[in-house]
Amino acid sequence: MAMDAHEIERMIKAALPDAAIEIKDLAGDGDHYAATVVSAAFKGKTRVQQHQMVYAALQGNMGGVLHALALTTSVPQD
């Protein structure tokens, strides 16, 4: 069972309410997505820590219902 892009966005927003999120379905199959997440919560965090925050927001769905997620994270530009 695939995961809907809106559900991915909802879960990330729940954990990172200020996040600007862009999600693309890479293969059109609901299993392979690319996400760009911009959040002030990432400030002072390494890229790995930022990605871990997003994966935590997905509540264990990564690698299961959500097969692949190409992730880009950053802090907002001033």
C-alpha atoms as a PDB file:
ATOM      1  CA  MET A   1       0.000   0.000   0.000  1.00  0.00           C
ATOM      2  CA  ALA A   2       1.460   3.343  -1.086  1.00  0.00           C
ATOM      3  CA  MET A   3       1.506   6.535   0.937  1.00  0.00           C
ATOM      4  CA  ASP A   4      -0.206   9.666  -0.395  1.00  0.00           C
ATOM      5  CA  ALA A   5       1.848  12.876  -0.796  1.00  0.00           C
ATOM      6  CA  HIS A   6      -0.741  14.809   1.227  1.00  0.00           C
ATOM      7  CA  GLU A   7      -0.350  12.364   4.105  1.00  0.00           C
ATOM      8  CA  ILE A   8       3.442  12.780   4.024  1.00  0.00           C
ATOM      9  CA  GLU A   9       3.021  16.555   4.109  1.00  0.00           C
ATOM     10  CA  ARG A  10       0.481  16.354   6.960  1.00  0.00           C
ATOM     11  CA  MET A  11       2.799  14.244   9.088  1.00  0.00           C
ATOM     12  CA  ILE A  12       5.774  16.538   8.527  1.00  0.00           C
ATOM     13  CA  LYS A  13       3.642  19.629   9.261  1.00  0.00           C
ATOM     14  CA  ALA A  14       2.427  18.062  12.510  1.00  0.00           C
ATOM     15  CA  ALA A  15       6.033  17.777  13.721  1.00  0.00           C
ATOM     16  CA  LEU A  16       7.376  20.939  12.064  1.00  0.00           C
ATOM     17  CA  PRO A  17       4.451  23.397  11.910  1.00  0.00           C
ATOM     18  CA  ASP A  18       6.479  26.218  10.338  1.00  0.00           C
ATOM     19  CA  ALA A  19       7.809  24.009   7.530  1.00  0.00           C
ATOM     20  CA  ALA A  20       7.471  24.892   3.882  1.00  0.00           C
ATOM     21  CA  ILE A  21       7.147  21.530   2.127  1.00  0.00           C
ATOM     22  CA  GLU A  22       7.276  20.550  -1.524  1.00  0.00           C
ATOM     23  CA  ILE A  23       6.688  16.913  -2.438  1.00  0.00           C
ATOM     24  CA  LYS A  24       7.024  15.305  -5.862  1.00  0.00           C
ATOM     25  CA  ASP A  25       5.999  11.774  -6.807  1.00  0.00           C
ATOM     26  CA  LEU A  26       9.068  10.699  -8.782  1.00  0.00           C
ATOM     27  CA  ALA A  27       7.701   7.576 -10.436  1.00  0.00           C
ATOM     28  CA  GLY A  28       3.952   8.200 -10.352  1.00  0.00           C
ATOM     29  CA  ASP A  29       3.520   5.097  -8.210  1.00  0.00           C
ATOM     30  CA  GLY A  30       3.031   6.636  -4.765  1.00  0.00           C
ATOM     31  CA  ASP A  31       6.150   4.833  -3.517  1.00  0.00           C
ATOM     32  CA  HIS A  32       9.018   7.059  -4.671  1.00  0.00           C
ATOM     33  CA  TYR A  33       8.966  10.684  -3.570  1.00  0.00           C
ATOM     34  CA  ALA A  34      11.283  13.674  -3.390  1.00  0.00           C
ATOM     35  CA  ALA A  35      10.626  16.174  -0.616  1.00  0.00           C
ATOM     36  CA  THR A  36      12.068  19.589   0.094  1.00  0.00           C
ATOM     37  CA  VAL A  37      11.487  20.744   3.670  1.00  0.00           C
ATOM     38  CA  VAL A  38      12.440  24.229   4.878  1.00  0.00           C
ATOM     39  CA  SER A  39      12.070  24.911   8.597  1.00  0.00           C
ATOM     40  CA  ALA A  40      13.544  27.242  11.212  1.00  0.00           C
ATOM     41  CA  ALA A  41      13.618  24.186  13.513  1.00  0.00           C
ATOM     42  CA  PHE A  42      16.614  22.974  11.481  1.00  0.00           C
ATOM     43  CA  LYS A  43      18.764  25.945  12.519  1.00  0.00           C
ATOM     44  CA  GLY A  44      22.000  24.781  14.161  1.00  0.00           C
ATOM     45  CA  LYS A  45      21.372  21.147  13.181  1.00  0.00           C
ATOM     46  CA  THR A  46      23.561  19.070  10.890  1.00  0.00           C
ATOM     47  CA  ARG A  47      22.054  17.774   7.655  1.00  0.00           C
ATOM     48  CA  VAL A  48      21.841  14.301   9.215  1.00  0.00           C
ATOM     49  CA  GLN A  49      19.987  15.685  12.252  1.00  0.00           C
ATOM     50  CA  GLN A  50      17.603  17.585   9.953  1.00  0.00           C
ATOM     51  CA  HIS A  51      16.832  14.403   8.015  1.00  0.00           C
ATOM     52  CA  GLN A  52      16.365  12.468  11.253  1.00  0.00           C
ATOM     53  CA  MET A  53      13.778  15.062  12.341  1.00  0.00           C
ATOM     54  CA  VAL A  54      11.822  14.520   9.120  1.00  0.00           C
ATOM     55  CA  TYR A  55      12.085  10.720   9.388  1.00  0.00           C
ATOM     56  CA  ALA A  56      10.853  10.923  12.996  1.00  0.00           C
ATOM     57  CA  ALA A  57       7.867  12.950  11.772  1.00  0.00           C
ATOM     58  CA  LEU A  58       6.998  10.085   9.417  1.00  0.00           C
ATOM     59  CA  GLN A  59       6.490   7.853  12.462  1.00  0.00           C
ATOM     60  CA  GLY A  60       8.219   4.728  11.222  1.00  0.00           C
ATOM     61  CA  ASN A  61       6.579   4.699   7.777  1.00  0.00           C
ATOM     62  CA  MET A  62       9.906   5.245   6.004  1.00  0.00           C
ATOM     63  CA  GLY A  63      11.042   1.989   4.432  1.00  0.00           C
ATOM     64  CA  GLY A  64       7.624   0.433   4.922  1.00  0.00           C
ATOM     65  CA  VAL A  65       4.531   2.111   3.508  1.00  0.00           C
ATOM     66  CA  LEU A  66       6.801   4.865   2.194  1.00  0.00           C
ATOM     67  CA  HIS A  67       9.373   3.024   0.112  1.00  0.00           C
ATOM     68  CA  ALA A  68      11.739   5.840  -0.945  1.00  0.00           C
ATOM     69  CA  LEU A  69      12.108   9.513  -0.086  1.00  0.00           C
ATOM     70  CA  ALA A  70      14.812  11.708  -1.602  1.00  0.00           C
ATOM     71  CA  LEU A  71      15.087  14.410   1.038  1.00  0.00           C
ATOM     72  CA  THR A  72      16.410  17.972   0.850  1.00  0.00           C
ATOM     73  CA  THR A  73      16.299  20.093   4.002  1.00  0.00           C
ATOM     74  CA  SER A  74      17.300  23.659   4.803  1.00  0.00           C
ATOM     75  CA  VAL A  75      16.612  26.639   7.031  1.00  0.00           C
ATOM     76  CA  PRO A  76      14.661  29.637   5.687  1.00  0.00           C
ATOM     77  CA  GLN A  77      16.673  32.364   3.959  1.00  0.00           C
ATOM     78  CA  ASP A  78      16.613  35.670   5.831  1.00  0.00           C
END
